[in-house]
């Protein structure tokens, strides 16, 4: 009977050790995945969209001044965004 108890204890410890090692491996993989999938910092697209929203929320009389204060690159990006939004809002627009 003592031998059966020893075998059962050994088997139980073996299973617990196996589960523990698998759990540690999964935890390490989850940590690496979480570190690699952190939210990205604001990029140019976010800045352009925020500038577009900010300018659009201004009264019509203040929009030209706000637009002229932007850099040439930002003006270009905002105008491209504006054109893209117009094409989405008006799908019947053509090259004519």
PDB file of N, CA and C in Angstrom:
ATOM      1  N   UNK A   1       0.814  -1.188   0.000  1.00  0.00           N
ATOM      2  CA  UNK A   1       0.000   0.000   0.000  1.00  0.00           C
ATOM      3  C   UNK A   1       0.868   1.266   0.000  1.00  0.00           C
ATOM      4  N   UNK A   2       1.978   1.183   0.731  1.00  0.00           N
ATOM      5  CA  UNK A   2       2.877   2.317   0.813  1.00  0.00           C
ATOM      6  C   UNK A   2       3.477   2.633  -0.546  1.00  0.00           C
ATOM      7  N   UNK A   3       3.758   1.611  -1.326  1.00  0.00           N
ATOM      8  CA  UNK A   3       4.310   1.819  -2.659  1.00  0.00           C
ATOM      9  C   UNK A   3       3.290   2.498  -3.565  1.00  0.00           C
ATOM     10  N   UNK A   4       2.021   2.137  -3.445  1.00  0.00           N
ATOM     11  CA  UNK A   4       0.970   2.776  -4.248  1.00  0.00           C
ATOM     12  C   UNK A   4       0.854   4.259  -3.884  1.00  0.00           C
ATOM     13  N   UNK A   5       0.954   4.544  -2.605  1.00  0.00           N
ATOM     14  CA  UNK A   5       0.888   5.943  -2.172  1.00  0.00           C
ATOM     15  C   UNK A   5       2.082   6.730  -2.699  1.00  0.00           C
ATOM     16  N   UNK A   6       3.244   6.113  -2.702  1.00  0.00           N
ATOM     17  CA  UNK A   6       4.430   6.776  -3.227  1.00  0.00           C
ATOM     18  C   UNK A   6       4.289   7.049  -4.725  1.00  0.00           C
ATOM     19  N   UNK A   7       3.769   6.053  -5.452  1.00  0.00           N
ATOM     20  CA  UNK A   7       3.564   6.231  -6.887  1.00  0.00           C
ATOM     21  C   UNK A   7       2.537   7.326  -7.159  1.00  0.00           C
ATOM     22  N   UNK A   8       1.472   7.351  -6.391  1.00  0.00           N
ATOM     23  CA  UNK A   8       0.436   8.370  -6.565  1.00  0.00           C
ATOM     24  C   UNK A   8       0.998   9.760  -6.242  1.00  0.00           C
ATOM     25  N   UNK A   9       1.788   9.850  -5.168  1.00  0.00           N
ATOM     26  CA  UNK A   9       2.392  11.135  -4.798  1.00  0.00           C
ATOM     27  C   UNK A   9       3.367  11.595  -5.884  1.00  0.00           C
ATOM     28  N   UNK A  10       4.176  10.667  -6.391  1.00  0.00           N
ATOM     29  CA  UNK A  10       5.114  11.016  -7.453  1.00  0.00           C
ATOM     30  C   UNK A  10       4.376  11.489  -8.699  1.00  0.00           C
ATOM     31  N   UNK A  11       3.334  10.752  -9.080  1.00  0.00           N
ATOM     32  CA  UNK A  11       2.549  11.132 -10.257  1.00  0.00           C
ATOM     33  C   UNK A  11       1.902  12.506 -10.066  1.00  0.00           C
ATOM     34  N   UNK A  12       1.360  12.747  -8.875  1.00  0.00           N
ATOM     35  CA  UNK A  12       0.725  14.039  -8.586  1.00  0.00           C
ATOM     36  C   UNK A  12       1.740  15.169  -8.680  1.00  0.00           C
ATOM     37  N   UNK A  13       2.906  14.981  -8.085  1.00  0.00           N
ATOM     38  CA  UNK A  13       3.946  16.003  -8.156  1.00  0.00           C
ATOM     39  C   UNK A  13       4.412  16.227  -9.596  1.00  0.00           C
ATOM     40  N   UNK A  14       4.514  15.148 -10.360  1.00  0.00           N
ATOM     41  CA  UNK A  14       4.908  15.261 -11.755  1.00  0.00           C
ATOM     42  C   UNK A  14       3.894  16.095 -12.541  1.00  0.00           C
ATOM     43  N   UNK A  15       2.605  15.815 -12.349  1.00  0.00           N
ATOM     44  CA  UNK A  15       1.550  16.555 -13.051  1.00  0.00           C
ATOM     45  C   UNK A  15       1.558  18.022 -12.628  1.00  0.00           C
ATOM     46  N   UNK A  16       1.716  18.282 -11.351  1.00  0.00           N
ATOM     47  CA  UNK A  16       1.753  19.663 -10.861  1.00  0.00           C
ATOM     48  C   UNK A  16       2.964  20.405 -11.449  1.00  0.00           C
ATOM     49  N   UNK A  17       4.112  19.737 -11.489  1.00  0.00           N
ATOM     50  CA  UNK A  17       5.302  20.352 -12.083  1.00  0.00           C
ATOM     51  C   UNK A  17       5.125  20.643 -13.560  1.00  0.00           C
ATOM     52  N   UNK A  18       4.499  19.709 -14.268  1.00  0.00           N
ATOM     53  CA  UNK A  18       4.247  19.894 -15.691  1.00  0.00           C
ATOM     54  C   UNK A  18       3.311  21.065 -15.933  1.00  0.00           C
ATOM     55  N   UNK A  19       2.248  21.133 -15.166  1.00  0.00           N
ATOM     56  CA  UNK A  19       1.290  22.242 -15.299  1.00  0.00           C
ATOM     57  C   UNK A  19       1.963  23.565 -14.950  1.00  0.00           C
ATOM     58  N   UNK A  20       2.782  23.550 -13.905  1.00  0.00           N
ATOM     59  CA  UNK A  20       3.473  24.783 -13.514  1.00  0.00           C
ATOM     60  C   UNK A  20       4.405  25.273 -14.613  1.00  0.00           C
ATOM     61  N   UNK A  21       5.150  24.357 -15.226  1.00  0.00           N
ATOM     62  CA  UNK A  21       6.066  24.781 -16.281  1.00  0.00           C
ATOM     63  C   UNK A  21       5.320  25.307 -17.493  1.00  0.00           C
ATOM     64  N   UNK A  22       4.187  24.684 -17.820  1.00  0.00           N
ATOM     65  CA  UNK A  22       3.380  25.181 -18.939  1.00  0.00           C
ATOM     66  C   UNK A  22       2.790  26.541 -18.620  1.00  0.00           C
ATOM     67  N   UNK A  23       2.348  26.725 -17.393  1.00  0.00           N
ATOM     68  CA  UNK A  23       1.766  28.006 -16.987  1.00  0.00           C
ATOM     69  C   UNK A  23       2.810  29.107 -17.035  1.00  0.00           C
ATOM     70  N   UNK A  24       4.026  28.808 -16.562  1.00  0.00           N
ATOM     71  CA  UNK A  24       5.092  29.812 -16.615  1.00  0.00           C
ATOM     72  C   UNK A  24       5.421  30.174 -18.054  1.00  0.00           C
ATOM     73  N   UNK A  25       5.435  29.183 -18.937  1.00  0.00           N
ATOM     74  CA  UNK A  25       5.727  29.433 -20.343  1.00  0.00           C
ATOM     75  C   UNK A  25       4.647  30.312 -20.961  1.00  0.00           C
ATOM     76  N   UNK A  26       3.379  30.019 -20.650  1.00  0.00           N
ATOM     77  CA  UNK A  26       2.283  30.835 -21.182  1.00  0.00           C
ATOM     78  C   UNK A  26       2.326  32.244 -20.616  1.00  0.00           C
ATOM     79  N   UNK A  27       2.674  32.364 -19.335  1.00  0.00           N
ATOM     80  CA  UNK A  27       2.775  33.692 -18.732  1.00  0.00           C
ATOM     81  C   UNK A  27       3.856  34.518 -19.414  1.00  0.00           C
ATOM     82  N   UNK A  28       4.983  33.877 -19.707  1.00  0.00           N
ATOM     83  CA  UNK A  28       6.072  34.583 -20.388  1.00  0.00           C
ATOM     84  C   UNK A  28       5.647  35.000 -21.788  1.00  0.00           C
ATOM     85  N   UNK A  29       4.929  34.114 -22.483  1.00  0.00           N
ATOM     86  CA  UNK A  29       4.457  34.454 -23.830  1.00  0.00           C
ATOM     87  C   UNK A  29       3.453  35.594 -23.771  1.00  0.00           C
ATOM     88  N   UNK A  30       2.559  35.577 -22.784  1.00  0.00           N
ATOM     89  CA  UNK A  30       1.580  36.653 -22.648  1.00  0.00           C
ATOM     90  C   UNK A  30       2.259  37.972 -22.335  1.00  0.00           C
ATOM     91  N   UNK A  31       3.317  37.934 -21.518  1.00  0.00           N
ATOM     92  CA  UNK A  31       4.033  39.158 -21.184  1.00  0.00           C
ATOM     93  C   UNK A  31       4.693  39.745 -22.428  1.00  0.00           C
ATOM     94  N   UNK A  32       5.334  38.898 -23.221  1.00  0.00           N
ATOM     95  CA  UNK A  32       5.979  39.366 -24.452  1.00  0.00           C
ATOM     96  C   UNK A  32       4.933  39.919 -25.402  1.00  0.00           C
ATOM     97  N   UNK A  33       3.804  39.231 -25.547  1.00  0.00           N
ATOM     98  CA  UNK A  33       2.736  39.705 -26.427  1.00  0.00           C
ATOM     99  C   UNK A  33       2.226  41.054 -25.956  1.00  0.00           C
ATOM    100  N   UNK A  34       2.014  41.200 -24.638  1.00  0.00           N
ATOM    101  CA  UNK A  34       1.500  42.463 -24.102  1.00  0.00           C
ATOM    102  C   UNK A  34       2.493  43.601 -24.319  1.00  0.00           C
ATOM    103  N   UNK A  35       3.787  43.303 -24.156  1.00  0.00           N
ATOM    104  CA  UNK A  35       4.791  44.351 -24.369  1.00  0.00           C
ATOM    105  C   UNK A  35       4.844  44.779 -25.827  1.00  0.00           C
ATOM    106  N   UNK A  36       4.649  43.846 -26.746  1.00  0.00           N
ATOM    107  CA  UNK A  36       4.712  44.163 -28.168  1.00  0.00           C
ATOM    108  C   UNK A  36       3.437  44.798 -28.693  1.00  0.00           C
ATOM    109  N   UNK A  37       2.350  44.714 -27.953  1.00  0.00           N
ATOM    110  CA  UNK A  37       1.069  45.233 -28.433  1.00  0.00           C
ATOM    111  C   UNK A  37       0.560  46.384 -27.574  1.00  0.00           C
ATOM    112  N   UNK A  38       1.480  47.202 -27.106  1.00  0.00           N
ATOM    113  CA  UNK A  38       1.098  48.381 -26.352  1.00  0.00           C
ATOM    114  C   UNK A  38       0.478  49.402 -27.300  1.00  0.00           C
ATOM    115  N   UNK A  39      -0.420  50.230 -26.781  1.00  0.00           N
ATOM    116  CA  UNK A  39      -0.982  51.272 -27.651  1.00  0.00           C
ATOM    117  C   UNK A  39       0.129  52.139 -28.222  1.00  0.00           C
ATOM    118  N   UNK A  40      -0.002  52.442 -29.478  1.00  0.00           N
ATOM    119  CA  UNK A  40       1.024  53.235 -30.158  1.00  0.00           C
ATOM    120  C   UNK A  40       0.875  54.705 -29.780  1.00  0.00           C
ATOM    121  N   UNK A  41       1.991  55.390 -29.815  1.00  0.00           N
ATOM    122  CA  UNK A  41       1.953  56.822 -29.572  1.00  0.00           C
ATOM    123  C   UNK A  41       1.254  57.497 -30.743  1.00  0.00           C
ATOM    124  N   UNK A  42       0.761  58.688 -30.491  1.00  0.00           N
ATOM    125  CA  UNK A  42       0.067  59.421 -31.538  1.00  0.00           C
ATOM    126  C   UNK A  42       0.974  59.582 -32.746  1.00  0.00           C
ATOM    127  N   UNK A  43       0.463  59.272 -33.913  1.00  0.00           N
ATOM    128  CA  UNK A  43       1.269  59.404 -35.112  1.00  0.00           C
ATOM    129  C   UNK A  43       0.765  60.573 -35.946  1.00  0.00           C
ATOM    130  N   UNK A  44       1.311  60.740 -37.117  1.00  0.00           N
ATOM    131  CA  UNK A  44       0.972  61.879 -37.970  1.00  0.00           C
ATOM    132  C   UNK A  44      -0.517  61.878 -38.303  1.00  0.00           C
ATOM    133  N   UNK A  45      -1.088  60.696 -38.561  1.00  0.00           N
ATOM    134  CA  UNK A  45      -2.502  60.618 -38.920  1.00  0.00           C
ATOM    135  C   UNK A  45      -3.377  61.155 -37.802  1.00  0.00           C
ATOM    136  N   UNK A  46      -3.048  60.803 -36.552  1.00  0.00           N
ATOM    137  CA  UNK A  46      -3.822  61.307 -35.429  1.00  0.00           C
ATOM    138  C   UNK A  46      -3.724  62.826 -35.328  1.00  0.00           C
ATOM    139  N   UNK A  47      -2.521  63.346 -35.577  1.00  0.00           N
ATOM    140  CA  UNK A  47      -2.311  64.792 -35.503  1.00  0.00           C
ATOM    141  C   UNK A  47      -3.103  65.502 -36.603  1.00  0.00           C
ATOM    142  N   UNK A  48      -3.092  64.941 -37.794  1.00  0.00           N
ATOM    143  CA  UNK A  48      -3.822  65.544 -38.910  1.00  0.00           C
ATOM    144  C   UNK A  48      -5.316  65.539 -38.621  1.00  0.00           C
ATOM    145  N   UNK A  49      -5.802  64.410 -38.153  1.00  0.00           N
ATOM    146  CA  UNK A  49      -7.231  64.323 -37.843  1.00  0.00           C
ATOM    147  C   UNK A  49      -7.609  65.300 -36.737  1.00  0.00           C
ATOM    148  N   UNK A  50      -6.766  65.399 -35.716  1.00  0.00           N
ATOM    149  CA  UNK A  50      -7.055  66.337 -34.629  1.00  0.00           C
ATOM    150  C   UNK A  50      -7.019  67.776 -35.129  1.00  0.00           C
ATOM    151  N   UNK A  51      -6.044  68.116 -35.983  1.00  0.00           N
ATOM    152  CA  UNK A  51      -5.997  69.467 -36.559  1.00  0.00           C
ATOM    153  C   UNK A  51      -7.245  69.743 -37.386  1.00  0.00           C
ATOM    154  N   UNK A  52      -7.678  68.751 -38.168  1.00  0.00           N
ATOM    155  CA  UNK A  52      -8.873  68.918 -38.999  1.00  0.00           C
ATOM    156  C   UNK A  52     -10.100  69.165 -38.118  1.00  0.00           C
ATOM    157  N   UNK A  53     -10.221  68.403 -37.066  1.00  0.00           N
ATOM    158  CA  UNK A  53     -11.362  68.576 -36.153  1.00  0.00           C
ATOM    159  C   UNK A  53     -11.305  69.938 -35.486  1.00  0.00           C
ATOM    160  N   UNK A  54     -10.104  70.324 -35.039  1.00  0.00           N
ATOM    161  CA  UNK A  54      -9.958  71.626 -34.377  1.00  0.00           C
ATOM    162  C   UNK A  54     -10.339  72.768 -35.313  1.00  0.00           C
ATOM    163  N   UNK A  55      -9.849  72.731 -36.543  1.00  0.00           N
ATOM    164  CA  UNK A  55     -10.160  73.803 -37.491  1.00  0.00           C
ATOM    165  C   UNK A  55     -11.629  73.775 -37.868  1.00  0.00           C
ATOM    166  N   UNK A  56     -12.185  72.602 -38.049  1.00  0.00           N
ATOM    167  CA  UNK A  56     -13.601  72.496 -38.420  1.00  0.00           C
ATOM    168  C   UNK A  56     -14.530  72.997 -37.320  1.00  0.00           C
ATOM    169  N   UNK A  57     -14.071  72.914 -36.095  1.00  0.00           N
ATOM    170  CA  UNK A  57     -14.934  73.355 -34.989  1.00  0.00           C
ATOM    171  C   UNK A  57     -14.883  74.868 -34.778  1.00  0.00           C
ATOM    172  N   UNK A  58     -13.966  75.540 -35.460  1.00  0.00           N
ATOM    173  CA  UNK A  58     -13.877  77.002 -35.338  1.00  0.00           C
ATOM    174  C   UNK A  58     -14.973  77.673 -36.155  1.00  0.00           C
ATOM    175  N   UNK A  59     -15.334  78.895 -35.792  1.00  0.00           N
ATOM    176  CA  UNK A  59     -16.264  79.658 -36.640  1.00  0.00           C
ATOM    177  C   UNK A  59     -15.622  79.915 -38.004  1.00  0.00           C
ATOM    178  N   UNK A  60     -16.449  80.076 -39.018  1.00  0.00           N
ATOM    179  CA  UNK A  60     -15.948  80.264 -40.389  1.00  0.00           C
ATOM    180  C   UNK A  60     -14.972  81.431 -40.482  1.00  0.00           C
ATOM    181  N   UNK A  61     -15.168  82.468 -39.708  1.00  0.00           N
ATOM    182  CA  UNK A  61     -14.301  83.645 -39.796  1.00  0.00           C
ATOM    183  C   UNK A  61     -12.887  83.377 -39.268  1.00  0.00           C
ATOM    184  N   UNK A  62     -12.713  82.369 -38.403  1.00  0.00           N
ATOM    185  CA  UNK A  62     -11.393  82.092 -37.819  1.00  0.00           C
ATOM    186  C   UNK A  62     -10.673  80.933 -38.505  1.00  0.00           C
ATOM    187  N   UNK A  63     -11.341  80.204 -39.370  1.00  0.00           N
ATOM    188  CA  UNK A  63     -10.727  79.040 -40.016  1.00  0.00           C
ATOM    189  C   UNK A  63      -9.546  79.405 -40.923  1.00  0.00           C
ATOM    190  N   UNK A  64      -9.655  80.443 -41.773  1.00  0.00           N
ATOM    191  CA  UNK A  64      -8.502  80.763 -42.637  1.00  0.00           C
ATOM    192  C   UNK A  64      -7.236  81.094 -41.848  1.00  0.00           C
ATOM    193  N   UNK A  65      -7.368  81.821 -40.758  1.00  0.00           N
ATOM    194  CA  UNK A  65      -6.203  82.175 -39.937  1.00  0.00           C
ATOM    195  C   UNK A  65      -5.596  80.924 -39.312  1.00  0.00           C
ATOM    196  N   UNK A  66      -6.428  80.026 -38.782  1.00  0.00           N
ATOM    197  CA  UNK A  66      -5.923  78.796 -38.170  1.00  0.00           C
ATOM    198  C   UNK A  66      -5.233  77.922 -39.214  1.00  0.00           C
ATOM    199  N   UNK A  67      -5.811  77.848 -40.413  1.00  0.00           N
ATOM    200  CA  UNK A  67      -5.218  77.046 -41.479  1.00  0.00           C
ATOM    201  C   UNK A  67      -3.889  77.634 -41.933  1.00  0.00           C
ATOM    202  N   UNK A  68      -3.818  78.956 -42.026  1.00  0.00           N
ATOM    203  CA  UNK A  68      -2.574  79.598 -42.497  1.00  0.00           C
ATOM    204  C   UNK A  68      -1.451  79.481 -41.481  1.00  0.00           C
ATOM    205  N   UNK A  69      -1.767  79.261 -40.215  1.00  0.00           N
ATOM    206  CA  UNK A  69      -0.740  79.116 -39.181  1.00  0.00           C
ATOM    207  C   UNK A  69      -0.067  77.741 -39.211  1.00  0.00           C
ATOM    208  N   UNK A  70      -0.623  76.786 -39.959  1.00  0.00           N
ATOM    209  CA  UNK A  70      -0.061  75.437 -40.025  1.00  0.00           C
ATOM    210  C   UNK A  70       1.148  75.381 -40.947  1.00  0.00           C
ATOM    211  N   UNK A  71       1.954  74.346 -40.779  1.00  0.00           N
ATOM    212  CA  UNK A  71       3.087  74.147 -41.687  1.00  0.00           C
ATOM    213  C   UNK A  71       2.560  73.698 -43.048  1.00  0.00           C
ATOM    214  N   UNK A  72       3.400  73.794 -44.053  1.00  0.00           N
ATOM    215  CA  UNK A  72       3.011  73.399 -45.406  1.00  0.00           C
ATOM    216  C   UNK A  72       2.627  71.916 -45.439  1.00  0.00           C
ATOM    217  N   UNK A  73       3.388  71.091 -44.733  1.00  0.00           N
ATOM    218  CA  UNK A  73       3.094  69.653 -44.709  1.00  0.00           C
ATOM    219  C   UNK A  73       1.733  69.384 -44.071  1.00  0.00           C
ATOM    220  N   UNK A  74       1.450  70.071 -42.965  1.00  0.00           N
ATOM    221  CA  UNK A  74       0.157  69.883 -42.300  1.00  0.00           C
ATOM    222  C   UNK A  74      -0.996  70.376 -43.164  1.00  0.00           C
ATOM    223  N   UNK A  75      -0.781  71.496 -43.854  1.00  0.00           N
ATOM    224  CA  UNK A  75      -1.823  72.005 -44.756  1.00  0.00           C
ATOM    225  C   UNK A  75      -2.133  70.978 -45.842  1.00  0.00           C
ATOM    226  N   UNK A  76      -1.083  70.392 -46.395  1.00  0.00           N
ATOM    227  CA  UNK A  76      -1.256  69.388 -47.449  1.00  0.00           C
ATOM    228  C   UNK A  76      -2.028  68.187 -46.926  1.00  0.00           C
ATOM    229  N   UNK A  77      -1.631  67.698 -45.762  1.00  0.00           N
ATOM    230  CA  UNK A  77      -2.297  66.527 -45.195  1.00  0.00           C
ATOM    231  C   UNK A  77      -3.760  66.815 -44.856  1.00  0.00           C
ATOM    232  N   UNK A  78      -4.024  67.989 -44.320  1.00  0.00           N
ATOM    233  CA  UNK A  78      -5.406  68.343 -43.975  1.00  0.00           C
ATOM    234  C   UNK A  78      -6.254  68.487 -45.231  1.00  0.00           C
ATOM    235  N   UNK A  79      -5.701  69.082 -46.272  1.00  0.00           N
ATOM    236  CA  UNK A  79      -6.467  69.223 -47.504  1.00  0.00           C
ATOM    237  C   UNK A  79      -6.753  67.866 -48.130  1.00  0.00           C
ATOM    238  N   UNK A  80      -5.770  66.949 -48.100  1.00  0.00           N
ATOM    239  CA  UNK A  80      -5.997  65.600 -48.622  1.00  0.00           C
ATOM    240  C   UNK A  80      -7.075  64.882 -47.812  1.00  0.00           C
ATOM    241  N   UNK A  81      -7.047  65.056 -46.499  1.00  0.00           N
ATOM    242  CA  UNK A  81      -8.078  64.461 -45.649  1.00  0.00           C
ATOM    243  C   UNK A  81      -9.443  65.047 -45.990  1.00  0.00           C
ATOM    244  N   UNK A  82      -9.499  66.349 -46.191  1.00  0.00           N
ATOM    245  CA  UNK A  82     -10.760  67.000 -46.548  1.00  0.00           C
ATOM    246  C   UNK A  82     -11.296  66.459 -47.878  1.00  0.00           C
ATOM    247  N   UNK A  83     -10.419  66.316 -48.866  1.00  0.00           N
ATOM    248  CA  UNK A  83     -10.852  65.760 -50.152  1.00  0.00           C
ATOM    249  C   UNK A  83     -11.350  64.319 -50.002  1.00  0.00           C
ATOM    250  N   UNK A  84     -10.632  63.524 -49.227  1.00  0.00           N
ATOM    251  CA  UNK A  84     -11.048  62.135 -49.012  1.00  0.00           C
ATOM    252  C   UNK A  84     -12.419  62.076 -48.350  1.00  0.00           C
ATOM    253  N   UNK A  85     -12.648  62.934 -47.381  1.00  0.00           N
ATOM    254  CA  UNK A  85     -13.959  62.964 -46.719  1.00  0.00           C
ATOM    255  C   UNK A  85     -15.061  63.401 -47.680  1.00  0.00           C
ATOM    256  N   UNK A  86     -14.746  64.334 -48.578  1.00  0.00           N
ATOM    257  CA  UNK A  86     -15.743  64.772 -49.549  1.00  0.00           C
ATOM    258  C   UNK A  86     -16.099  63.646 -50.514  1.00  0.00           C
ATOM    259  N   UNK A  87     -15.095  62.864 -50.930  1.00  0.00           N
ATOM    260  CA  UNK A  87     -15.372  61.733 -51.821  1.00  0.00           C
ATOM    261  C   UNK A  87     -16.218  60.676 -51.125  1.00  0.00           C
ATOM    262  N   UNK A  88     -16.001  60.482 -49.848  1.00  0.00           N
ATOM    263  CA  UNK A  88     -16.798  59.502 -49.098  1.00  0.00           C
ATOM    264  C   UNK A  88     -18.221  60.006 -48.914  1.00  0.00           C
ATOM    265  N   UNK A  89     -18.360  61.292 -48.609  1.00  0.00           N
ATOM    266  CA  UNK A  89     -19.696  61.862 -48.392  1.00  0.00           C
ATOM    267  C   UNK A  89     -20.491  61.995 -49.688  1.00  0.00           C
ATOM    268  N   UNK A  90     -19.798  62.162 -50.799  1.00  0.00           N
ATOM    269  CA  UNK A  90     -20.460  62.368 -52.096  1.00  0.00           C
ATOM    270  C   UNK A  90     -19.919  61.370 -53.113  1.00  0.00           C
ATOM    271  N   UNK A  91     -20.385  60.137 -53.069  1.00  0.00           N
ATOM    272  CA  UNK A  91     -19.835  59.101 -53.972  1.00  0.00           C
ATOM    273  C   UNK A  91     -20.126  59.349 -55.447  1.00  0.00           C
ATOM    274  N   UNK A  92     -21.054  60.238 -55.764  1.00  0.00           N
ATOM    275  CA  UNK A  92     -21.385  60.487 -57.165  1.00  0.00           C
ATOM    276  C   UNK A  92     -20.454  61.529 -57.812  1.00  0.00           C
ATOM    277  N   UNK A  93     -19.434  62.003 -57.107  1.00  0.00           N
ATOM    278  CA  UNK A  93     -18.477  62.926 -57.701  1.00  0.00           C
ATOM    279  C   UNK A  93     -17.639  62.196 -58.738  1.00  0.00           C
ATOM    280  N   UNK A  94     -17.357  62.879 -59.840  1.00  0.00           N
ATOM    281  CA  UNK A  94     -16.540  62.293 -60.888  1.00  0.00           C
ATOM    282  C   UNK A  94     -15.389  63.230 -61.212  1.00  0.00           C
ATOM    283  N   UNK A  95     -14.528  62.826 -62.102  1.00  0.00           N
ATOM    284  CA  UNK A  95     -13.399  63.649 -62.524  1.00  0.00           C
ATOM    285  C   UNK A  95     -13.868  64.881 -63.299  1.00  0.00           C
ATOM    286  N   UNK A  96     -15.058  64.820 -63.857  1.00  0.00           N
ATOM    287  CA  UNK A  96     -15.604  65.963 -64.628  1.00  0.00           C
ATOM    288  C   UNK A  96     -15.965  67.041 -63.705  1.00  0.00           C
TER     289      UNK A  96
END
